[in-house]
Amino acid sequence: MKLRFCLIIGLFLLTGSYLKADELISIYLNNSDLSPVRIDVSNISTIKFKSTKLVVNNNDNTSDDFYFSDIIKITFNEQGTSIETVNASSASIFPNPVKDNLIIQNAEKIYGSDIYIYSMTGVLVEKYSQWNGESINVSDLAPGVYFVNSNSTTLKFVKQ
């Protein structure tokens, strides 16, 4: 149930509540070679959250199933833009789970960007303007699952 909220947040709240037809959804899976599954939004008829998986129904009556336990992160990219996005092989959160200070490693591409931390229910709990790579103190957060979002990249972490 909690992961379902996570995916809803990633699909709607973190992207401004909608996707444009010229965008891609990239789904990074923990059982892949770090190459994401890319889905053109214009080819999607519906997205459903079933009990254990995300189901993407396509306009050609085919579907793609992604088990929640296999999803590392979901990103949203516009085709044809010059904006670089952080890919799964570069940015990561350390330590994870975290008690006090969160470090985003290999995140040079998002330096100077705003960093947002969302709770599992989609509530914005922290914002860091023009983040410069410093560690993020999360000691005041309640234990649970949170999401760090910047530009089109979302990373999940667990607060102990």
N, C-alpha and C. Protein backbone atom coordinates (compact mmCIF):
# COMPACT_ATOMS: atom_id res chain seq x y z
N MET A 1 0.82 -1.19 0.00
CA MET A 1 0.00 0.00 0.00
C MET A 1 0.86 1.25 0.00
N LYS A 2 1.94 1.25 0.81
CA LYS A 2 2.81 2.42 0.87
C LYS A 2 3.49 2.66 -0.46
N LEU A 3 3.93 1.61 -1.13
CA LEU A 3 4.59 1.77 -2.42
C LEU A 3 3.62 2.30 -3.46
N ARG A 4 2.37 1.94 -3.33
CA ARG A 4 1.35 2.46 -4.24
C ARG A 4 1.29 3.98 -4.11
N PHE A 5 1.31 4.51 -2.88
CA PHE A 5 1.33 5.95 -2.68
C PHE A 5 2.59 6.55 -3.29
N CYS A 6 3.72 5.86 -3.13
CA CYS A 6 4.99 6.32 -3.71
C CYS A 6 4.86 6.51 -5.21
N LEU A 7 4.31 5.55 -5.87
CA LEU A 7 4.20 5.63 -7.32
C LEU A 7 3.21 6.70 -7.75
N ILE A 8 2.14 6.85 -6.99
CA ILE A 8 1.20 7.92 -7.29
C ILE A 8 1.88 9.27 -7.13
N ILE A 9 2.68 9.42 -6.09
CA ILE A 9 3.42 10.66 -5.89
C ILE A 9 4.34 10.90 -7.07
N GLY A 10 5.10 9.89 -7.43
CA GLY A 10 6.04 10.03 -8.54
C GLY A 10 5.36 10.37 -9.85
N LEU A 11 4.22 9.77 -10.10
CA LEU A 11 3.53 9.99 -11.36
C LEU A 11 2.77 11.30 -11.42
N PHE A 12 2.30 11.80 -10.29
CA PHE A 12 1.44 12.96 -10.33
C PHE A 12 1.98 14.16 -9.57
N LEU A 13 2.25 14.04 -8.29
CA LEU A 13 2.64 15.19 -7.49
C LEU A 13 4.01 15.74 -7.87
N LEU A 14 4.98 14.88 -8.08
CA LEU A 14 6.33 15.35 -8.34
C LEU A 14 6.53 15.89 -9.75
N THR A 15 5.60 15.68 -10.62
CA THR A 15 5.73 16.17 -11.99
C THR A 15 4.74 17.28 -12.29
N GLY A 16 4.15 17.86 -11.28
CA GLY A 16 3.21 18.93 -11.52
C GLY A 16 1.81 18.43 -11.81
N SER A 17 1.50 17.18 -11.43
CA SER A 17 0.17 16.58 -11.52
C SER A 17 -0.27 16.18 -12.91
N TYR A 18 0.56 16.30 -13.91
CA TYR A 18 0.19 15.85 -15.23
C TYR A 18 1.44 15.58 -16.06
N LEU A 19 1.28 14.84 -17.13
CA LEU A 19 2.36 14.58 -18.07
C LEU A 19 1.92 15.07 -19.44
N LYS A 20 2.85 15.63 -20.18
CA LYS A 20 2.55 16.07 -21.53
C LYS A 20 2.79 14.91 -22.50
N ALA A 21 2.17 14.99 -23.66
CA ALA A 21 2.23 13.89 -24.62
C ALA A 21 3.62 13.66 -25.18
N ASP A 22 4.53 14.61 -25.07
CA ASP A 22 5.87 14.43 -25.64
C ASP A 22 6.88 13.96 -24.59
N GLU A 23 6.42 13.41 -23.49
CA GLU A 23 7.31 12.99 -22.43
C GLU A 23 7.47 11.47 -22.39
N LEU A 24 8.56 11.07 -21.73
CA LEU A 24 8.85 9.66 -21.50
C LEU A 24 8.79 9.39 -20.01
N ILE A 25 8.33 8.21 -19.65
CA ILE A 25 8.45 7.72 -18.29
C ILE A 25 9.56 6.67 -18.35
N SER A 26 10.57 6.82 -17.49
CA SER A 26 11.65 5.84 -17.41
C SER A 26 11.51 5.11 -16.09
N ILE A 27 11.42 3.78 -16.15
CA ILE A 27 11.27 2.96 -14.95
C ILE A 27 12.54 2.15 -14.78
N TYR A 28 13.25 2.40 -13.67
CA TYR A 28 14.49 1.70 -13.37
C TYR A 28 14.16 0.53 -12.46
N LEU A 29 14.61 -0.65 -12.86
CA LEU A 29 14.31 -1.88 -12.13
C LEU A 29 15.56 -2.45 -11.50
N ASN A 30 15.43 -3.05 -10.32
CA ASN A 30 16.60 -3.59 -9.64
C ASN A 30 17.09 -4.90 -10.25
N ASN A 31 16.34 -5.47 -11.18
CA ASN A 31 16.77 -6.71 -11.82
C ASN A 31 17.24 -6.47 -13.25
N SER A 32 17.59 -5.22 -13.58
CA SER A 32 18.05 -4.91 -14.94
C SER A 32 19.51 -4.50 -14.92
N ASP A 33 20.02 -4.16 -16.06
CA ASP A 33 21.42 -3.74 -16.20
C ASP A 33 21.56 -2.23 -16.06
N LEU A 34 20.67 -1.57 -15.33
CA LEU A 34 20.61 -0.14 -15.12
C LEU A 34 20.08 0.62 -16.33
N SER A 35 19.70 -0.08 -17.38
CA SER A 35 19.03 0.57 -18.50
C SER A 35 17.54 0.60 -18.18
N PRO A 36 16.95 1.78 -18.15
CA PRO A 36 15.55 1.85 -17.76
C PRO A 36 14.61 1.37 -18.86
N VAL A 37 13.42 1.00 -18.47
CA VAL A 37 12.34 0.75 -19.41
C VAL A 37 11.75 2.12 -19.71
N ARG A 38 11.75 2.52 -20.98
CA ARG A 38 11.23 3.84 -21.36
C ARG A 38 9.88 3.68 -22.04
N ILE A 39 8.92 4.46 -21.57
CA ILE A 39 7.57 4.38 -22.11
C ILE A 39 7.16 5.77 -22.57
N ASP A 40 6.76 5.88 -23.82
CA ASP A 40 6.28 7.14 -24.38
C ASP A 40 4.87 7.39 -23.85
N VAL A 41 4.66 8.52 -23.20
CA VAL A 41 3.38 8.83 -22.59
C VAL A 41 2.25 8.83 -23.62
N SER A 42 2.53 9.23 -24.85
CA SER A 42 1.47 9.28 -25.86
C SER A 42 0.96 7.89 -26.23
N ASN A 43 1.71 6.82 -25.87
CA ASN A 43 1.29 5.46 -26.16
C ASN A 43 0.55 4.79 -24.99
N ILE A 44 0.37 5.52 -23.89
CA ILE A 44 -0.27 4.94 -22.70
C ILE A 44 -1.76 5.24 -22.72
N SER A 45 -2.56 4.18 -22.51
CA SER A 45 -4.01 4.41 -22.39
C SER A 45 -4.39 4.57 -20.92
N THR A 46 -3.85 3.72 -20.03
CA THR A 46 -4.11 3.84 -18.59
C THR A 46 -2.92 3.33 -17.80
N ILE A 47 -2.83 3.79 -16.56
CA ILE A 47 -1.87 3.28 -15.60
C ILE A 47 -2.68 2.83 -14.39
N LYS A 48 -2.48 1.56 -13.98
CA LYS A 48 -3.24 1.02 -12.86
C LYS A 48 -2.29 0.54 -11.78
N PHE A 49 -2.71 0.70 -10.55
CA PHE A 49 -1.96 0.23 -9.41
C PHE A 49 -2.70 -0.97 -8.84
N LYS A 50 -2.18 -2.16 -9.12
CA LYS A 50 -2.77 -3.39 -8.61
C LYS A 50 -2.13 -3.69 -7.26
N SER A 51 -2.48 -4.78 -6.64
CA SER A 51 -2.00 -5.06 -5.29
C SER A 51 -0.48 -5.20 -5.19
N THR A 52 0.16 -5.79 -6.19
CA THR A 52 1.61 -6.00 -6.11
C THR A 52 2.37 -5.39 -7.27
N LYS A 53 1.67 -4.73 -8.19
CA LYS A 53 2.38 -4.25 -9.37
C LYS A 53 1.74 -3.01 -9.98
N LEU A 54 2.54 -2.33 -10.77
CA LEU A 54 2.12 -1.21 -11.59
C LEU A 54 1.85 -1.77 -12.98
N VAL A 55 0.67 -1.50 -13.53
CA VAL A 55 0.30 -2.00 -14.85
C VAL A 55 0.11 -0.81 -15.78
N VAL A 56 0.90 -0.79 -16.86
CA VAL A 56 0.79 0.26 -17.86
C VAL A 56 0.11 -0.34 -19.08
N ASN A 57 -1.12 0.11 -19.35
CA ASN A 57 -1.86 -0.36 -20.52
C ASN A 57 -1.58 0.57 -21.68
N ASN A 58 -1.20 -0.02 -22.80
CA ASN A 58 -0.83 0.76 -23.98
C ASN A 58 -2.00 0.88 -24.96
N ASN A 59 -1.90 1.85 -25.85
CA ASN A 59 -2.95 2.09 -26.83
C ASN A 59 -3.16 0.91 -27.78
N ASP A 60 -2.14 0.06 -27.96
CA ASP A 60 -2.26 -1.09 -28.86
C ASP A 60 -2.79 -2.34 -28.16
N ASN A 61 -3.41 -2.15 -26.99
CA ASN A 61 -4.01 -3.23 -26.19
C ASN A 61 -2.99 -4.19 -25.59
N THR A 62 -1.73 -3.81 -25.53
CA THR A 62 -0.72 -4.58 -24.80
C THR A 62 -0.54 -3.91 -23.44
N SER A 63 0.12 -4.60 -22.53
CA SER A 63 0.39 -3.98 -21.23
C SER A 63 1.78 -4.37 -20.75
N ASP A 64 2.31 -3.52 -19.89
CA ASP A 64 3.60 -3.76 -19.24
C ASP A 64 3.35 -3.82 -17.75
N ASP A 65 3.82 -4.88 -17.09
CA ASP A 65 3.64 -5.05 -15.65
C ASP A 65 4.98 -4.86 -14.96
N PHE A 66 4.99 -4.09 -13.86
CA PHE A 66 6.20 -3.86 -13.08
C PHE A 66 5.86 -4.10 -11.62
N TYR A 67 6.50 -5.12 -11.03
CA TYR A 67 6.26 -5.41 -9.62
C TYR A 67 6.86 -4.30 -8.77
N PHE A 68 6.12 -3.84 -7.77
CA PHE A 68 6.58 -2.76 -6.91
C PHE A 68 7.94 -3.07 -6.30
N SER A 69 8.16 -4.32 -5.92
CA SER A 69 9.42 -4.70 -5.29
C SER A 69 10.61 -4.59 -6.23
N ASP A 70 10.37 -4.54 -7.55
CA ASP A 70 11.45 -4.43 -8.53
C ASP A 70 11.77 -3.00 -8.93
N ILE A 71 10.89 -2.05 -8.61
CA ILE A 71 11.07 -0.67 -9.06
C ILE A 71 12.03 0.06 -8.12
N ILE A 72 13.11 0.61 -8.71
CA ILE A 72 14.06 1.41 -7.95
C ILE A 72 13.62 2.87 -7.96
N LYS A 73 13.33 3.39 -9.16
CA LYS A 73 12.85 4.76 -9.26
C LYS A 73 12.17 4.96 -10.61
N ILE A 74 11.42 6.05 -10.69
CA ILE A 74 10.73 6.43 -11.91
C ILE A 74 11.10 7.88 -12.19
N THR A 75 11.51 8.17 -13.43
CA THR A 75 11.82 9.54 -13.81
C THR A 75 10.97 9.94 -15.00
N PHE A 76 10.86 11.25 -15.19
CA PHE A 76 10.05 11.80 -16.27
C PHE A 76 10.92 12.76 -17.07
N ASN A 77 11.04 12.52 -18.37
CA ASN A 77 11.90 13.33 -19.22
C ASN A 77 11.12 13.79 -20.43
N GLU A 78 11.34 15.04 -20.84
CA GLU A 78 10.76 15.50 -22.08
C GLU A 78 11.71 15.14 -23.22
N GLN A 79 11.15 14.70 -24.33
CA GLN A 79 11.97 14.39 -25.49
C GLN A 79 12.44 15.68 -26.12
N GLY A 80 13.67 15.68 -26.62
CA GLY A 80 14.17 16.80 -27.39
C GLY A 80 14.60 18.01 -26.58
N THR A 81 14.73 17.89 -25.28
CA THR A 81 15.19 19.04 -24.51
C THR A 81 16.68 18.91 -24.28
N SER A 82 17.30 19.99 -23.89
CA SER A 82 18.73 19.96 -23.61
C SER A 82 19.00 19.79 -22.13
N ILE A 83 17.97 19.58 -21.35
CA ILE A 83 18.14 19.39 -19.91
C ILE A 83 18.70 18.00 -19.66
N GLU A 84 19.82 17.94 -18.94
CA GLU A 84 20.39 16.65 -18.59
C GLU A 84 19.73 16.15 -17.32
N THR A 85 19.45 14.88 -17.28
CA THR A 85 18.88 14.31 -16.06
C THR A 85 19.87 13.33 -15.46
N VAL A 86 19.77 13.17 -14.16
CA VAL A 86 20.63 12.21 -13.47
C VAL A 86 20.09 10.83 -13.75
N ASN A 87 20.94 9.90 -14.15
CA ASN A 87 20.45 8.55 -14.42
C ASN A 87 20.72 7.64 -13.24
N ALA A 88 20.18 6.46 -13.29
CA ALA A 88 20.24 5.54 -12.15
C ALA A 88 21.66 5.13 -11.81
N SER A 89 22.58 5.15 -12.78
CA SER A 89 23.93 4.70 -12.50
C SER A 89 24.76 5.78 -11.82
N SER A 90 24.25 7.02 -11.69
CA SER A 90 25.08 8.06 -11.09
C SER A 90 24.59 8.47 -9.69
N ALA A 91 23.42 9.02 -9.57
CA ALA A 91 22.97 9.53 -8.28
C ALA A 91 22.50 8.40 -7.37
N SER A 92 22.84 8.52 -6.11
CA SER A 92 22.38 7.54 -5.13
C SER A 92 22.36 8.20 -3.75
N ILE A 93 21.66 7.58 -2.84
CA ILE A 93 21.54 8.09 -1.48
C ILE A 93 22.33 7.20 -0.55
N PHE A 94 23.07 7.84 0.35
CA PHE A 94 23.90 7.11 1.31
C PHE A 94 23.81 7.81 2.65
N PRO A 95 23.77 7.18 3.77
CA PRO A 95 23.40 5.77 3.91
C PRO A 95 21.90 5.61 3.68
N ASN A 96 21.51 4.43 3.38
CA ASN A 96 20.10 4.15 3.18
C ASN A 96 19.81 2.76 3.73
N PRO A 97 19.15 2.65 4.87
CA PRO A 97 18.41 3.65 5.63
C PRO A 97 19.35 4.65 6.32
N VAL A 98 18.78 5.80 6.67
CA VAL A 98 19.53 6.91 7.27
C VAL A 98 18.93 7.26 8.63
N LYS A 99 19.81 7.69 9.54
CA LYS A 99 19.34 8.14 10.86
C LYS A 99 19.37 9.66 10.96
N ASP A 100 20.50 10.27 10.58
CA ASP A 100 20.66 11.71 10.79
C ASP A 100 20.92 12.49 9.51
N ASN A 101 22.03 12.20 8.84
CA ASN A 101 22.45 12.99 7.68
C ASN A 101 22.42 12.16 6.40
N LEU A 102 21.70 12.69 5.44
CA LEU A 102 21.53 12.05 4.14
C LEU A 102 22.54 12.65 3.17
N ILE A 103 23.19 11.81 2.41
CA ILE A 103 24.16 12.28 1.41
C ILE A 103 23.70 11.79 0.05
N ILE A 104 23.60 12.71 -0.90
CA ILE A 104 23.29 12.33 -2.28
C ILE A 104 24.63 12.26 -3.01
N GLN A 105 25.01 11.05 -3.39
CA GLN A 105 26.30 10.83 -4.03
C GLN A 105 26.19 10.95 -5.54
N ASN A 106 27.28 11.38 -6.17
CA ASN A 106 27.37 11.47 -7.63
C ASN A 106 26.22 12.27 -8.23
N ALA A 107 25.94 13.41 -7.64
CA ALA A 107 24.78 14.20 -8.06
C ALA A 107 25.19 15.55 -8.63
N GLU A 108 26.34 15.60 -9.28
CA GLU A 108 26.84 16.86 -9.81
C GLU A 108 25.85 17.54 -10.76
N LYS A 109 25.07 16.74 -11.46
CA LYS A 109 24.13 17.29 -12.45
C LYS A 109 22.96 18.03 -11.81
N ILE A 110 22.75 17.84 -10.52
CA ILE A 110 21.65 18.56 -9.87
C ILE A 110 22.14 19.63 -8.91
N TYR A 111 23.45 19.88 -8.83
CA TYR A 111 23.96 20.97 -8.00
C TYR A 111 23.33 22.27 -8.48
N GLY A 112 22.95 23.10 -7.54
CA GLY A 112 22.32 24.38 -7.86
C GLY A 112 20.82 24.28 -8.06
N SER A 113 20.27 23.07 -8.07
CA SER A 113 18.83 22.87 -8.23
C SER A 113 18.15 22.86 -6.87
N ASP A 114 16.84 23.02 -6.88
CA ASP A 114 16.06 22.88 -5.66
C ASP A 114 15.86 21.40 -5.38
N ILE A 115 15.97 21.02 -4.10
CA ILE A 115 15.77 19.65 -3.66
C ILE A 115 14.51 19.63 -2.80
N TYR A 116 13.62 18.68 -3.08
CA TYR A 116 12.38 18.55 -2.33
C TYR A 116 12.35 17.17 -1.69
N ILE A 117 11.91 17.11 -0.44
CA ILE A 117 11.72 15.82 0.24
C ILE A 117 10.23 15.68 0.52
N TYR A 118 9.66 14.56 0.02
CA TYR A 118 8.24 14.28 0.19
C TYR A 118 8.05 13.06 1.08
N SER A 119 7.00 13.09 1.88
CA SER A 119 6.63 11.93 2.67
C SER A 119 5.94 10.91 1.76
N MET A 120 5.68 9.75 2.31
CA MET A 120 5.01 8.70 1.57
C MET A 120 3.61 9.10 1.12
N THR A 121 3.00 10.01 1.83
CA THR A 121 1.65 10.46 1.48
C THR A 121 1.64 11.64 0.52
N GLY A 122 2.82 12.07 0.07
CA GLY A 122 2.90 13.16 -0.89
C GLY A 122 3.03 14.54 -0.30
N VAL A 123 3.21 14.63 1.00
CA VAL A 123 3.36 15.92 1.66
C VAL A 123 4.81 16.39 1.54
N LEU A 124 4.99 17.63 1.10
CA LEU A 124 6.33 18.22 1.06
C LEU A 124 6.77 18.48 2.49
N VAL A 125 7.88 17.84 2.91
CA VAL A 125 8.34 18.00 4.29
C VAL A 125 9.59 18.87 4.40
N GLU A 126 10.38 18.96 3.34
CA GLU A 126 11.58 19.78 3.34
C GLU A 126 11.84 20.30 1.94
N LYS A 127 12.42 21.52 1.85
CA LYS A 127 12.86 22.06 0.57
C LYS A 127 14.21 22.73 0.79
N TYR A 128 15.15 22.45 -0.10
CA TYR A 128 16.47 23.05 -0.06
C TYR A 128 16.68 23.79 -1.38
N SER A 129 16.75 25.12 -1.31
CA SER A 129 16.92 25.92 -2.51
C SER A 129 18.38 25.93 -2.93
N GLN A 130 18.60 25.81 -4.21
CA GLN A 130 19.95 25.86 -4.80
C GLN A 130 20.93 24.99 -4.03
N TRP A 131 20.58 23.72 -3.92
CA TRP A 131 21.38 22.74 -3.18
C TRP A 131 22.79 22.67 -3.77
N ASN A 132 23.80 22.67 -2.92
CA ASN A 132 25.19 22.68 -3.39
C ASN A 132 25.97 21.42 -3.05
N GLY A 133 25.28 20.35 -2.72
CA GLY A 133 25.96 19.09 -2.48
C GLY A 133 26.18 18.75 -1.01
N GLU A 134 25.78 19.63 -0.11
CA GLU A 134 25.99 19.37 1.31
C GLU A 134 25.07 18.25 1.79
N SER A 135 25.44 17.63 2.90
CA SER A 135 24.58 16.59 3.46
C SER A 135 23.28 17.24 3.96
N ILE A 136 22.23 16.45 4.00
CA ILE A 136 20.91 16.94 4.38
C ILE A 136 20.54 16.32 5.72
N ASN A 137 20.28 17.16 6.71
CA ASN A 137 19.93 16.69 8.04
C ASN A 137 18.46 16.27 8.04
N VAL A 138 18.21 14.98 8.25
CA VAL A 138 16.85 14.45 8.30
C VAL A 138 16.51 13.90 9.68
N SER A 139 17.29 14.28 10.68
CA SER A 139 17.08 13.72 12.03
C SER A 139 15.72 14.08 12.61
N ASP A 140 15.11 15.19 12.17
CA ASP A 140 13.80 15.58 12.68
C ASP A 140 12.63 14.85 12.02
N LEU A 141 12.89 14.13 10.94
CA LEU A 141 11.83 13.41 10.25
C LEU A 141 11.43 12.16 11.04
N ALA A 142 10.15 11.84 11.00
CA ALA A 142 9.67 10.61 11.63
C ALA A 142 10.17 9.41 10.83
N PRO A 143 10.35 8.27 11.45
CA PRO A 143 10.76 7.08 10.70
C PRO A 143 9.74 6.77 9.60
N GLY A 144 10.25 6.34 8.44
CA GLY A 144 9.38 6.00 7.32
C GLY A 144 10.10 6.11 6.00
N VAL A 145 9.34 6.01 4.92
CA VAL A 145 9.88 6.09 3.56
C VAL A 145 9.64 7.50 3.04
N TYR A 146 10.68 8.08 2.41
CA TYR A 146 10.61 9.43 1.86
C TYR A 146 11.19 9.44 0.45
N PHE A 147 10.95 10.53 -0.25
CA PHE A 147 11.43 10.67 -1.61
C PHE A 147 12.12 12.02 -1.77
N VAL A 148 13.31 11.97 -2.36
CA VAL A 148 14.05 13.18 -2.69
C VAL A 148 13.82 13.43 -4.17
N ASN A 149 13.40 14.64 -4.52
CA ASN A 149 13.12 14.97 -5.91
C ASN A 149 13.86 16.23 -6.30
N SER A 150 14.49 16.20 -7.48
CA SER A 150 15.10 17.37 -8.07
C SER A 150 15.04 17.21 -9.57
N ASN A 151 14.60 18.25 -10.24
CA ASN A 151 14.42 18.19 -11.69
C ASN A 151 13.52 17.01 -12.01
N SER A 152 13.98 16.08 -12.82
CA SER A 152 13.15 14.93 -13.16
C SER A 152 13.64 13.65 -12.49
N THR A 153 14.41 13.78 -11.42
CA THR A 153 14.96 12.62 -10.74
C THR A 153 14.34 12.47 -9.35
N THR A 154 13.92 11.26 -9.04
CA THR A 154 13.37 10.96 -7.73
C THR A 154 14.10 9.76 -7.16
N LEU A 155 14.59 9.90 -5.93
CA LEU A 155 15.28 8.82 -5.22
C LEU A 155 14.53 8.53 -3.93
N LYS A 156 14.48 7.28 -3.57
CA LYS A 156 13.77 6.84 -2.36
C LYS A 156 14.78 6.61 -1.25
N PHE A 157 14.40 6.98 0.00
CA PHE A 157 15.23 6.63 1.15
C PHE A 157 14.33 6.28 2.33
N VAL A 158 14.92 5.54 3.25
CA VAL A 158 14.21 5.11 4.46
C VAL A 158 14.84 5.83 5.63
N LYS A 159 14.01 6.52 6.42
CA LYS A 159 14.47 7.18 7.66
C LYS A 159 14.20 6.25 8.81
N GLN A 160 15.27 5.95 9.58
CA GLN A 160 15.11 5.06 10.76
C GLN A 160 14.73 5.87 11.97
